[in-house]
Amino acid sequence: QVQLVESGGGLVQAGGSLRLSCAASGRTFSNYRIGWFRQAPGKERGFVAAITGSGDSTYYEDSVKGRFTISRDNAKNTVYLQINSLKPEDTAVYYCAADRPGAYWRASYYYAQDRYDYWGQGTRVTVSS
């Protein structure tokens, strides 16, 4: 089992940047696929980005490509989400999630929140115009 703790959210002006962190417990962090999801006010939670356990492949929701970058440092048990050129529509609670390793994942699985087994408590990002 893994526990996830997000941090790095806050209030930022449009055009600014933030780096969110997802810190995980456990000794086999590199086995876990990690996804970032977000829930804007009044909307359902949706996929943002994901990364394989080794970090060799990444996946992004179309609207964030070119502005968001997901990365990981397995030595620090941490996954990052760098967010640049923030827009008011990026305002949301951002969650990281991890799967229970073992099963093969096709690419489409990374986008599906019901594939993830563990979730953090979220970190709030508010972008002012």
N, C-alpha and C. Protein backbone atom coordinates (compact mmCIF):
# COMPACT_ATOMS: atom_id res chain seq x y z
N GLN A 1 0.85 -1.18 0.00
CA GLN A 1 0.00 0.00 0.00
C GLN A 1 0.89 1.24 0.00
N VAL A 2 0.41 2.31 -0.58
CA VAL A 2 1.16 3.56 -0.65
C VAL A 2 0.27 4.70 -0.18
N GLN A 3 0.87 5.65 0.49
CA GLN A 3 0.16 6.86 0.88
C GLN A 3 0.72 8.03 0.10
N LEU A 4 -0.17 8.91 -0.34
CA LEU A 4 0.20 10.02 -1.20
C LEU A 4 -0.16 11.34 -0.54
N VAL A 5 0.76 12.29 -0.62
CA VAL A 5 0.52 13.62 -0.06
C VAL A 5 0.91 14.66 -1.10
N GLU A 6 -0.08 15.45 -1.51
CA GLU A 6 0.19 16.51 -2.48
C GLU A 6 0.55 17.81 -1.76
N SER A 7 1.32 18.63 -2.43
CA SER A 7 1.66 19.96 -1.91
C SER A 7 2.01 20.86 -3.08
N GLY A 8 2.14 22.14 -2.80
CA GLY A 8 2.57 23.08 -3.82
C GLY A 8 1.48 23.95 -4.40
N GLY A 9 0.24 23.69 -4.02
CA GLY A 9 -0.83 24.52 -4.53
C GLY A 9 -0.82 25.90 -3.90
N GLY A 10 -1.67 26.77 -4.42
CA GLY A 10 -1.75 28.11 -3.87
C GLY A 10 -2.49 29.04 -4.80
N LEU A 11 -2.42 30.32 -4.48
CA LEU A 11 -3.05 31.37 -5.28
C LEU A 11 -1.97 32.00 -6.16
N VAL A 12 -2.23 32.07 -7.45
CA VAL A 12 -1.26 32.60 -8.39
C VAL A 12 -1.99 33.39 -9.47
N GLN A 13 -1.34 34.38 -10.01
CA GLN A 13 -1.93 35.17 -11.08
C GLN A 13 -1.84 34.42 -12.40
N ALA A 14 -2.75 34.71 -13.27
CA ALA A 14 -2.72 34.12 -14.61
C ALA A 14 -1.37 34.43 -15.27
N GLY A 15 -0.84 33.41 -15.95
CA GLY A 15 0.46 33.54 -16.57
C GLY A 15 1.60 33.05 -15.70
N GLY A 16 1.32 32.84 -14.44
CA GLY A 16 2.34 32.37 -13.52
C GLY A 16 2.56 30.87 -13.60
N SER A 17 3.40 30.37 -12.71
CA SER A 17 3.76 28.96 -12.70
C SER A 17 3.67 28.40 -11.28
N LEU A 18 3.47 27.11 -11.21
CA LEU A 18 3.49 26.37 -9.95
C LEU A 18 4.11 25.02 -10.20
N ARG A 19 4.70 24.46 -9.17
CA ARG A 19 5.13 23.07 -9.24
C ARG A 19 4.46 22.32 -8.09
N LEU A 20 3.62 21.39 -8.48
CA LEU A 20 2.96 20.54 -7.49
C LEU A 20 3.82 19.31 -7.24
N SER A 21 3.78 18.85 -6.02
CA SER A 21 4.52 17.64 -5.65
C SER A 21 3.56 16.60 -5.10
N CYS A 22 3.89 15.37 -5.35
CA CYS A 22 3.14 14.23 -4.82
C CYS A 22 4.18 13.32 -4.15
N ALA A 23 4.21 13.35 -2.84
CA ALA A 23 5.16 12.55 -2.09
C ALA A 23 4.50 11.25 -1.66
N ALA A 24 5.23 10.15 -1.84
CA ALA A 24 4.66 8.84 -1.56
C ALA A 24 5.47 8.10 -0.51
N SER A 25 4.77 7.31 0.26
CA SER A 25 5.44 6.41 1.20
C SER A 25 5.77 5.12 0.48
N GLY A 26 6.51 4.25 1.12
CA GLY A 26 6.78 2.95 0.53
C GLY A 26 8.16 2.83 -0.08
N ARG A 27 8.64 1.58 -0.15
CA ARG A 27 10.00 1.35 -0.62
C ARG A 27 10.09 1.00 -2.08
N THR A 28 8.96 0.72 -2.72
CA THR A 28 8.98 0.30 -4.13
C THR A 28 8.25 1.32 -4.99
N PHE A 29 8.54 2.56 -4.75
CA PHE A 29 7.83 3.65 -5.43
C PHE A 29 7.95 3.54 -6.94
N SER A 30 9.07 3.08 -7.43
CA SER A 30 9.27 3.01 -8.87
C SER A 30 8.35 1.99 -9.53
N ASN A 31 7.66 1.17 -8.76
CA ASN A 31 6.70 0.23 -9.32
C ASN A 31 5.35 0.86 -9.61
N TYR A 32 5.12 2.03 -9.04
CA TYR A 32 3.79 2.64 -9.12
C TYR A 32 3.67 3.60 -10.28
N ARG A 33 2.62 3.42 -11.04
CA ARG A 33 2.24 4.41 -12.03
C ARG A 33 1.51 5.53 -11.29
N ILE A 34 1.76 6.77 -11.68
CA ILE A 34 1.17 7.91 -10.99
C ILE A 34 0.41 8.78 -11.97
N GLY A 35 -0.76 9.18 -11.55
CA GLY A 35 -1.56 10.08 -12.35
C GLY A 35 -1.90 11.34 -11.57
N TRP A 36 -2.08 12.43 -12.28
CA TRP A 36 -2.61 13.67 -11.71
C TRP A 36 -3.99 13.91 -12.29
N PHE A 37 -4.90 14.26 -11.42
CA PHE A 37 -6.26 14.58 -11.82
C PHE A 37 -6.64 15.91 -11.17
N ARG A 38 -7.66 16.54 -11.67
CA ARG A 38 -8.11 17.80 -11.05
C ARG A 38 -9.62 17.89 -11.08
N GLN A 39 -10.14 18.61 -10.09
CA GLN A 39 -11.57 18.84 -10.01
C GLN A 39 -11.82 20.33 -9.82
N ALA A 40 -12.37 20.92 -10.85
CA ALA A 40 -12.71 22.34 -10.80
C ALA A 40 -14.04 22.51 -10.07
N PRO A 41 -14.30 23.70 -9.55
CA PRO A 41 -15.57 23.93 -8.84
C PRO A 41 -16.77 23.60 -9.72
N GLY A 42 -17.64 22.78 -9.20
CA GLY A 42 -18.85 22.43 -9.91
C GLY A 42 -18.68 21.44 -11.04
N LYS A 43 -17.49 20.87 -11.17
CA LYS A 43 -17.24 19.92 -12.26
C LYS A 43 -16.75 18.59 -11.71
N GLU A 44 -16.79 17.59 -12.55
CA GLU A 44 -16.28 16.29 -12.16
C GLU A 44 -14.76 16.28 -12.25
N ARG A 45 -14.20 15.37 -11.49
CA ARG A 45 -12.75 15.21 -11.53
C ARG A 45 -12.32 14.63 -12.87
N GLY A 46 -11.23 15.14 -13.41
CA GLY A 46 -10.78 14.69 -14.71
C GLY A 46 -9.28 14.51 -14.77
N PHE A 47 -8.85 13.77 -15.76
CA PHE A 47 -7.44 13.44 -15.96
C PHE A 47 -6.64 14.66 -16.39
N VAL A 48 -5.40 14.73 -15.89
CA VAL A 48 -4.49 15.80 -16.28
C VAL A 48 -3.24 15.23 -16.93
N ALA A 49 -2.55 14.35 -16.20
CA ALA A 49 -1.28 13.81 -16.69
C ALA A 49 -0.97 12.53 -15.94
N ALA A 50 -0.10 11.70 -16.52
CA ALA A 50 0.31 10.47 -15.86
C ALA A 50 1.71 10.10 -16.31
N ILE A 51 2.33 9.24 -15.53
CA ILE A 51 3.70 8.84 -15.81
C ILE A 51 3.90 7.39 -15.41
N THR A 52 4.69 6.68 -16.19
CA THR A 52 5.00 5.30 -15.86
C THR A 52 5.92 5.22 -14.65
N GLY A 53 6.08 4.03 -14.12
CA GLY A 53 6.91 3.85 -12.93
C GLY A 53 8.35 4.27 -13.13
N SER A 54 8.88 3.97 -14.29
CA SER A 54 10.27 4.33 -14.59
C SER A 54 10.41 5.78 -15.04
N GLY A 55 9.30 6.38 -15.43
CA GLY A 55 9.33 7.75 -15.93
C GLY A 55 9.62 7.85 -17.41
N ASP A 56 9.67 6.72 -18.10
CA ASP A 56 10.06 6.77 -19.52
C ASP A 56 8.91 7.14 -20.44
N SER A 57 7.68 7.11 -19.93
CA SER A 57 6.53 7.51 -20.74
C SER A 57 5.62 8.41 -19.93
N THR A 58 5.07 9.41 -20.61
CA THR A 58 4.14 10.34 -19.98
C THR A 58 2.91 10.51 -20.86
N TYR A 59 1.83 10.92 -20.23
CA TYR A 59 0.55 11.07 -20.91
C TYR A 59 -0.08 12.37 -20.42
N TYR A 60 -0.75 13.08 -21.33
CA TYR A 60 -1.34 14.36 -20.98
C TYR A 60 -2.73 14.50 -21.57
N GLU A 61 -3.58 15.20 -20.85
CA GLU A 61 -4.85 15.63 -21.39
C GLU A 61 -4.56 16.71 -22.43
N ASP A 62 -5.32 16.72 -23.49
CA ASP A 62 -4.98 17.59 -24.63
C ASP A 62 -4.88 19.06 -24.24
N SER A 63 -5.73 19.53 -23.37
CA SER A 63 -5.77 20.96 -23.09
C SER A 63 -4.56 21.45 -22.29
N VAL A 64 -3.77 20.54 -21.72
CA VAL A 64 -2.64 20.97 -20.91
C VAL A 64 -1.30 20.70 -21.59
N LYS A 65 -1.34 20.05 -22.73
CA LYS A 65 -0.09 19.75 -23.44
C LYS A 65 0.65 21.05 -23.76
N GLY A 66 1.93 21.04 -23.51
CA GLY A 66 2.75 22.21 -23.75
C GLY A 66 2.85 23.15 -22.56
N ARG A 67 1.94 23.02 -21.59
CA ARG A 67 1.98 23.88 -20.40
C ARG A 67 2.29 23.08 -19.14
N PHE A 68 1.87 21.83 -19.09
CA PHE A 68 2.08 20.97 -17.92
C PHE A 68 3.17 19.96 -18.24
N THR A 69 3.99 19.69 -17.26
CA THR A 69 5.02 18.66 -17.40
C THR A 69 5.02 17.79 -16.15
N ILE A 70 4.86 16.50 -16.36
CA ILE A 70 4.92 15.55 -15.25
C ILE A 70 6.29 14.90 -15.25
N SER A 71 6.83 14.71 -14.07
CA SER A 71 8.14 14.07 -13.94
C SER A 71 8.19 13.38 -12.58
N ARG A 72 9.20 12.57 -12.39
CA ARG A 72 9.32 11.89 -11.10
C ARG A 72 10.77 11.71 -10.73
N ASP A 73 11.00 11.66 -9.42
CA ASP A 73 12.30 11.36 -8.86
C ASP A 73 12.10 10.18 -7.93
N ASN A 74 12.38 8.99 -8.42
CA ASN A 74 12.12 7.79 -7.63
C ASN A 74 13.01 7.70 -6.39
N ALA A 75 14.15 8.34 -6.43
CA ALA A 75 15.02 8.34 -5.25
C ALA A 75 14.39 9.14 -4.11
N LYS A 76 13.53 10.09 -4.47
CA LYS A 76 12.85 10.93 -3.47
C LYS A 76 11.39 10.52 -3.28
N ASN A 77 10.97 9.46 -3.97
CA ASN A 77 9.56 9.01 -3.86
C ASN A 77 8.59 10.15 -4.17
N THR A 78 8.89 10.91 -5.18
CA THR A 78 8.08 12.09 -5.48
C THR A 78 7.83 12.23 -6.97
N VAL A 79 6.61 12.60 -7.28
CA VAL A 79 6.21 12.96 -8.64
C VAL A 79 5.86 14.44 -8.65
N TYR A 80 6.23 15.10 -9.71
CA TYR A 80 6.01 16.54 -9.83
C TYR A 80 5.07 16.84 -10.99
N LEU A 81 4.37 17.93 -10.86
CA LEU A 81 3.59 18.47 -11.97
C LEU A 81 3.94 19.94 -12.08
N GLN A 82 4.72 20.25 -13.10
CA GLN A 82 5.07 21.64 -13.37
C GLN A 82 3.98 22.25 -14.24
N ILE A 83 3.45 23.37 -13.77
CA ILE A 83 2.36 24.02 -14.49
C ILE A 83 2.81 25.43 -14.86
N ASN A 84 2.89 25.70 -16.13
CA ASN A 84 3.29 27.01 -16.62
C ASN A 84 2.12 27.71 -17.31
N SER A 85 2.27 29.00 -17.50
CA SER A 85 1.25 29.79 -18.20
C SER A 85 -0.14 29.51 -17.65
N LEU A 86 -0.27 29.60 -16.34
CA LEU A 86 -1.53 29.27 -15.70
C LEU A 86 -2.66 30.14 -16.19
N LYS A 87 -3.82 29.51 -16.31
CA LYS A 87 -5.04 30.18 -16.75
C LYS A 87 -6.09 30.07 -15.65
N PRO A 88 -7.04 31.00 -15.62
CA PRO A 88 -8.10 30.88 -14.60
C PRO A 88 -8.82 29.54 -14.66
N GLU A 89 -8.94 28.96 -15.84
CA GLU A 89 -9.63 27.67 -15.96
C GLU A 89 -8.82 26.51 -15.41
N ASP A 90 -7.58 26.75 -15.00
CA ASP A 90 -6.79 25.73 -14.31
C ASP A 90 -7.13 25.67 -12.82
N THR A 91 -7.94 26.59 -12.35
CA THR A 91 -8.35 26.59 -10.94
C THR A 91 -9.08 25.29 -10.62
N ALA A 92 -8.56 24.58 -9.62
CA ALA A 92 -9.11 23.26 -9.27
C ALA A 92 -8.35 22.71 -8.07
N VAL A 93 -8.89 21.65 -7.53
CA VAL A 93 -8.14 20.84 -6.58
C VAL A 93 -7.43 19.76 -7.38
N TYR A 94 -6.14 19.65 -7.19
CA TYR A 94 -5.33 18.70 -7.93
C TYR A 94 -5.00 17.51 -7.04
N TYR A 95 -5.25 16.33 -7.57
CA TYR A 95 -5.02 15.09 -6.85
C TYR A 95 -3.99 14.24 -7.58
N CYS A 96 -3.15 13.57 -6.82
CA CYS A 96 -2.34 12.54 -7.44
C CYS A 96 -2.89 11.18 -7.00
N ALA A 97 -2.64 10.20 -7.85
CA ALA A 97 -3.16 8.86 -7.63
C ALA A 97 -2.13 7.84 -8.09
N ALA A 98 -2.19 6.67 -7.48
CA ALA A 98 -1.27 5.59 -7.81
C ALA A 98 -2.03 4.30 -8.01
N ASP A 99 -1.49 3.45 -8.83
CA ASP A 99 -2.13 2.14 -9.03
C ASP A 99 -1.50 1.11 -8.10
N ARG A 100 -2.12 -0.02 -8.04
CA ARG A 100 -1.53 -1.16 -7.35
C ARG A 100 -0.74 -1.92 -8.40
N PRO A 101 0.57 -1.92 -8.29
CA PRO A 101 1.39 -2.46 -9.38
C PRO A 101 1.20 -3.96 -9.59
N GLY A 102 1.57 -4.40 -10.76
CA GLY A 102 1.51 -5.82 -11.09
C GLY A 102 0.88 -6.08 -12.44
N ALA A 103 -0.29 -5.50 -12.67
CA ALA A 103 -0.99 -5.78 -13.92
C ALA A 103 -0.42 -4.95 -15.05
N TYR A 104 -0.53 -5.49 -16.25
CA TYR A 104 -0.12 -4.75 -17.44
C TYR A 104 -1.11 -3.62 -17.69
N TRP A 105 -0.59 -2.46 -18.06
CA TRP A 105 -1.44 -1.33 -18.41
C TRP A 105 -1.24 -0.97 -19.86
N ARG A 106 -2.33 -0.95 -20.61
CA ARG A 106 -2.25 -0.34 -21.92
C ARG A 106 -2.33 1.17 -21.74
N ALA A 107 -1.98 1.90 -22.79
CA ALA A 107 -1.88 3.36 -22.69
C ALA A 107 -3.17 4.00 -22.21
N SER A 108 -4.29 3.49 -22.67
CA SER A 108 -5.58 4.10 -22.33
C SER A 108 -5.87 4.03 -20.83
N TYR A 109 -5.28 3.10 -20.14
CA TYR A 109 -5.55 2.94 -18.71
C TYR A 109 -5.07 4.15 -17.91
N TYR A 110 -4.02 4.77 -18.37
CA TYR A 110 -3.44 5.89 -17.61
C TYR A 110 -4.42 7.04 -17.47
N TYR A 111 -5.36 7.15 -18.39
CA TYR A 111 -6.30 8.26 -18.41
C TYR A 111 -7.53 8.01 -17.54
N ALA A 112 -7.69 6.80 -17.07
CA ALA A 112 -8.93 6.39 -16.41
C ALA A 112 -8.75 6.40 -14.90
N GLN A 113 -9.46 7.27 -14.20
CA GLN A 113 -9.27 7.38 -12.76
C GLN A 113 -9.70 6.13 -12.02
N ASP A 114 -10.60 5.34 -12.59
CA ASP A 114 -11.01 4.13 -11.89
C ASP A 114 -9.95 3.04 -11.94
N ARG A 115 -8.87 3.26 -12.66
CA ARG A 115 -7.75 2.32 -12.68
C ARG A 115 -6.80 2.53 -11.50
N TYR A 116 -6.91 3.66 -10.85
CA TYR A 116 -5.99 4.00 -9.77
C TYR A 116 -6.57 3.57 -8.43
N ASP A 117 -5.70 3.08 -7.57
CA ASP A 117 -6.16 2.48 -6.32
C ASP A 117 -5.96 3.40 -5.10
N TYR A 118 -5.00 4.29 -5.17
CA TYR A 118 -4.67 5.13 -4.02
C TYR A 118 -4.71 6.59 -4.44
N TRP A 119 -5.23 7.41 -3.53
CA TRP A 119 -5.41 8.83 -3.82
C TRP A 119 -4.92 9.68 -2.67
N GLY A 120 -4.35 10.84 -3.03
CA GLY A 120 -4.00 11.81 -2.02
C GLY A 120 -5.21 12.67 -1.65
N GLN A 121 -4.98 13.62 -0.77
CA GLN A 121 -6.07 14.45 -0.28
C GLN A 121 -6.30 15.68 -1.15
N GLY A 122 -5.37 15.96 -2.04
CA GLY A 122 -5.52 17.07 -2.96
C GLY A 122 -4.82 18.33 -2.50
N THR A 123 -4.47 19.17 -3.46
CA THR A 123 -3.91 20.48 -3.18
C THR A 123 -4.63 21.48 -4.09
N ARG A 124 -5.02 22.60 -3.52
CA ARG A 124 -5.86 23.55 -4.25
C ARG A 124 -5.00 24.55 -5.01
N VAL A 125 -5.35 24.74 -6.26
CA VAL A 125 -4.72 25.75 -7.11
C VAL A 125 -5.79 26.77 -7.51
N THR A 126 -5.52 28.03 -7.24
CA THR A 126 -6.45 29.09 -7.62
C THR A 126 -5.69 30.09 -8.48
N VAL A 127 -6.21 30.33 -9.67
CA VAL A 127 -5.57 31.23 -10.61
C VAL A 127 -6.45 32.46 -10.77
N SER A 128 -5.91 33.61 -10.45
CA SER A 128 -6.66 34.86 -10.57
C SER A 128 -6.37 35.52 -11.92
N SER A 129 -7.38 36.17 -12.45
CA SER A 129 -7.22 36.82 -13.76
C SER A 129 -6.75 38.25 -13.63
